[in-house]
Amino acid sequence: MSKQEKKQPQLSLKEKRKLKQEKAAEQSVVKARKSSRK
C-alpha cells in the first residue's frame, strides 16, 4: 500500500503537468481562432 501511495503522487504530478500543457495549448488555439475570426 505504502509503495503505491508513493507512486501515485508522482504520477499525479506528471499528469497535472500534462493537463496544464494541454490546457495552455487549447487556450492558445482558441485565442488564435478568435483572433483569426476578428
PDB file of N, CA and C in Angstrom:
ATOM      1  N   MET A   1       0.842  -1.202   0.000  1.00  0.00           N
ATOM      2  CA  MET A   1       0.000   0.000   0.000  1.00  0.00           C
ATOM      3  C   MET A   1       0.880   1.256   0.000  1.00  0.00           C
ATOM      4  N   SER A   2       1.872   1.271   0.893  1.00  0.00           N
ATOM      5  CA  SER A   2       2.719   2.470   1.008  1.00  0.00           C
ATOM      6  C   SER A   2       3.450   2.727  -0.316  1.00  0.00           C
ATOM      7  N   LYS A   3       3.922   1.649  -0.971  1.00  0.00           N
ATOM      8  CA  LYS A   3       4.637   1.839  -2.246  1.00  0.00           C
ATOM      9  C   LYS A   3       3.703   2.467  -3.282  1.00  0.00           C
ATOM     10  N   GLN A   4       2.482   1.960  -3.369  1.00  0.00           N
ATOM     11  CA  GLN A   4       1.537   2.514  -4.345  1.00  0.00           C
ATOM     12  C   GLN A   4       1.241   3.977  -4.016  1.00  0.00           C
ATOM     13  N   GLU A   5       1.084   4.275  -2.737  1.00  0.00           N
ATOM     14  CA  GLU A   5       0.782   5.661  -2.360  1.00  0.00           C
ATOM     15  C   GLU A   5       1.935   6.578  -2.761  1.00  0.00           C
ATOM     16  N   LYS A   6       3.165   6.068  -2.629  1.00  0.00           N
ATOM     17  CA  LYS A   6       4.317   6.903  -3.009  1.00  0.00           C
ATOM     18  C   LYS A   6       4.363   7.094  -4.522  1.00  0.00           C
ATOM     19  N   LYS A   7       3.952   6.067  -5.269  1.00  0.00           N
ATOM     20  CA  LYS A   7       3.993   6.171  -6.736  1.00  0.00           C
ATOM     21  C   LYS A   7       2.864   7.074  -7.246  1.00  0.00           C
ATOM     22  N   GLN A   8       1.730   7.038  -6.594  1.00  0.00           N
ATOM     23  CA  GLN A   8       0.575   7.816  -7.079  1.00  0.00           C
ATOM     24  C   GLN A   8       0.870   9.322  -7.162  1.00  0.00           C
ATOM     25  N   PRO A   9       1.402   9.953  -6.118  1.00  0.00           N
ATOM     26  CA  PRO A   9       1.643  11.408  -6.180  1.00  0.00           C
ATOM     27  C   PRO A   9       2.560  11.791  -7.337  1.00  0.00           C
ATOM     28  N   GLN A  10       3.570  10.978  -7.620  1.00  0.00           N
ATOM     29  CA  GLN A  10       4.478  11.295  -8.732  1.00  0.00           C
ATOM     30  C   GLN A  10       3.707  11.262 -10.052  1.00  0.00           C
ATOM     31  N   LEU A  11       2.891  10.221 -10.238  1.00  0.00           N
ATOM     32  CA  LEU A  11       2.110  10.121 -11.475  1.00  0.00           C
ATOM     33  C   LEU A  11       1.137  11.301 -11.563  1.00  0.00           C
ATOM     34  N   SER A  12       0.512  11.641 -10.451  1.00  0.00           N
ATOM     35  CA  SER A  12      -0.456  12.740 -10.468  1.00  0.00           C
ATOM     36  C   SER A  12       0.250  14.037 -10.859  1.00  0.00           C
ATOM     37  N   LEU A  13       1.467  14.240 -10.351  1.00  0.00           N
ATOM     38  CA  LEU A  13       2.198  15.471 -10.689  1.00  0.00           C
ATOM     39  C   LEU A  13       2.472  15.497 -12.192  1.00  0.00           C
ATOM     40  N   LYS A  14       2.908  14.375 -12.732  1.00  0.00           N
ATOM     41  CA  LYS A  14       3.177  14.326 -14.183  1.00  0.00           C
ATOM     42  C   LYS A  14       1.882  14.559 -14.951  1.00  0.00           C
ATOM     43  N   GLU A  15       0.801  13.948 -14.482  1.00  0.00           N
ATOM     44  CA  GLU A  15      -0.487  14.125 -15.173  1.00  0.00           C
ATOM     45  C   GLU A  15      -0.923  15.587 -15.102  1.00  0.00           C
ATOM     46  N   LYS A  16      -0.736  16.205 -13.921  1.00  0.00           N
ATOM     47  CA  LYS A  16      -1.121  17.620 -13.784  1.00  0.00           C
ATOM     48  C   LYS A  16      -0.316  18.469 -14.756  1.00  0.00           C
ATOM     49  N   ARG A  17       0.982  18.179 -14.878  1.00  0.00           N
ATOM     50  CA  ARG A  17       1.810  18.959 -15.815  1.00  0.00           C
ATOM     51  C   ARG A  17       1.300  18.778 -17.236  1.00  0.00           C
ATOM     52  N   LYS A  18       0.975  17.543 -17.591  1.00  0.00           N
ATOM     53  CA  LYS A  18       0.460  17.282 -18.947  1.00  0.00           C
ATOM     54  C   LYS A  18      -0.856  18.029 -19.150  1.00  0.00           C
ATOM     55  N   LEU A  19      -1.725  17.992 -18.136  1.00  0.00           N
ATOM     56  CA  LEU A  19      -3.019  18.676 -18.255  1.00  0.00           C
ATOM     57  C   LEU A  19      -2.791  20.170 -18.440  1.00  0.00           C
ATOM     58  N   LYS A  20      -1.855  20.738 -17.670  1.00  0.00           N
ATOM     59  CA  LYS A  20      -1.574  22.178 -17.793  1.00  0.00           C
ATOM     60  C   LYS A  20      -1.087  22.491 -19.200  1.00  0.00           C
ATOM     61  N   GLN A  21      -0.187  21.661 -19.728  1.00  0.00           N
ATOM     62  CA  GLN A  21       0.331  21.900 -21.084  1.00  0.00           C
ATOM     63  C   GLN A  21      -0.806  21.794 -22.096  1.00  0.00           C
ATOM     64  N   GLU A  22      -1.658  20.776 -21.934  1.00  0.00           N
ATOM     65  CA  GLU A  22      -2.777  20.606 -22.874  1.00  0.00           C
ATOM     66  C   GLU A  22      -3.729  21.798 -22.792  1.00  0.00           C
ATOM     67  N   LYS A  23      -4.033  22.244 -21.564  1.00  0.00           N
ATOM     68  CA  LYS A  23      -4.945  23.390 -21.412  1.00  0.00           C
ATOM     69  C   LYS A  23      -4.323  24.632 -22.042  1.00  0.00           C
ATOM     70  N   ALA A  24      -3.042  24.842 -21.815  1.00  0.00           N
ATOM     71  CA  ALA A  24      -2.357  26.010 -22.389  1.00  0.00           C
ATOM     72  C   ALA A  24      -2.414  25.938 -23.912  1.00  0.00           C
ATOM     73  N   ALA A  25      -2.187  24.752 -24.463  1.00  0.00           N
ATOM     74  CA  ALA A  25      -2.225  24.589 -25.927  1.00  0.00           C
ATOM     75  C   ALA A  25      -3.637  24.883 -26.430  1.00  0.00           C
ATOM     76  N   GLU A  26      -4.636  24.358 -25.742  1.00  0.00           N
ATOM     77  CA  GLU A  26      -6.027  24.597 -26.169  1.00  0.00           C
ATOM     78  C   GLU A  26      -6.349  26.089 -26.103  1.00  0.00           C
ATOM     79  N   GLN A  27      -5.922  26.754 -25.020  1.00  0.00           N
ATOM     80  CA  GLN A  27      -6.202  28.188 -24.886  1.00  0.00           C
ATOM     81  C   GLN A  27      -5.533  28.962 -26.016  1.00  0.00           C
ATOM     82  N   SER A  28      -4.280  28.611 -26.327  1.00  0.00           N
ATOM     83  CA  SER A  28      -3.565  29.314 -27.406  1.00  0.00           C
ATOM     84  C   SER A  28      -4.295  29.103 -28.729  1.00  0.00           C
ATOM     85  N   VAL A  29      -4.789  27.882 -28.955  1.00  0.00           N
ATOM     86  CA  VAL A  29      -5.519  27.595 -30.204  1.00  0.00           C
ATOM     87  C   VAL A  29      -6.814  28.395 -30.237  1.00  0.00           C
ATOM     88  N   VAL A  30      -7.516  28.429 -29.116  1.00  0.00           N
ATOM     89  CA  VAL A  30      -8.785  29.179 -29.066  1.00  0.00           C
ATOM     90  C   VAL A  30      -8.513  30.659 -29.319  1.00  0.00           C
ATOM     91  N   LYS A  31      -7.453  31.197 -28.708  1.00  0.00           N
ATOM     92  CA  LYS A  31      -7.124  32.617 -28.921  1.00  0.00           C
ATOM     93  C   LYS A  31      -6.798  32.855 -30.390  1.00  0.00           C
ATOM     94  N   ALA A  32      -6.051  31.944 -30.995  1.00  0.00           N
ATOM     95  CA  ALA A  32      -5.689  32.105 -32.411  1.00  0.00           C
ATOM     96  C   ALA A  32      -6.958  32.088 -33.260  1.00  0.00           C
ATOM     97  N   ARG A  33      -7.884  31.187 -32.951  1.00  0.00           N
ATOM     98  CA  ARG A  33      -9.136  31.113 -33.733  1.00  0.00           C
ATOM     99  C   ARG A  33      -9.926  32.408 -33.575  1.00  0.00           C
ATOM    100  N   LYS A  34     -10.025  32.904 -32.326  1.00  0.00           N
ATOM    101  CA  LYS A  34     -10.787  34.141 -32.099  1.00  0.00           C
ATOM    102  C   LYS A  34     -10.129  35.298 -32.849  1.00  0.00           C
ATOM    103  N   SER A  35      -8.805  35.398 -32.775  1.00  0.00           N
ATOM    104  CA  SER A  35      -8.108  36.500 -33.443  1.00  0.00           C
ATOM    105  C   SER A  35      -8.290  36.377 -34.957  1.00  0.00           C
ATOM    106  N   SER A  36      -8.258  35.160 -35.485  1.00  0.00           N
ATOM    107  CA  SER A  36      -8.414  34.965 -36.938  1.00  0.00           C
ATOM    108  C   SER A  36      -9.838  35.358 -37.348  1.00  0.00           C
ATOM    109  N   ARG A  37     -10.823  35.062 -36.503  1.00  0.00           N
ATOM    110  CA  ARG A  37     -12.213  35.415 -36.832  1.00  0.00           C
ATOM    111  C   ARG A  37     -12.342  36.931 -36.914  1.00  0.00           C
ATOM    112  N   LYS A  38     -11.714  37.625 -35.989  1.00  0.00           N
ATOM    113  CA  LYS A  38     -11.791  39.093 -35.999  1.00  0.00           C
ATOM    114  C   LYS A  38     -11.018  39.620 -37.215  1.00  0.00           C
TER     115      LYS A  38
END
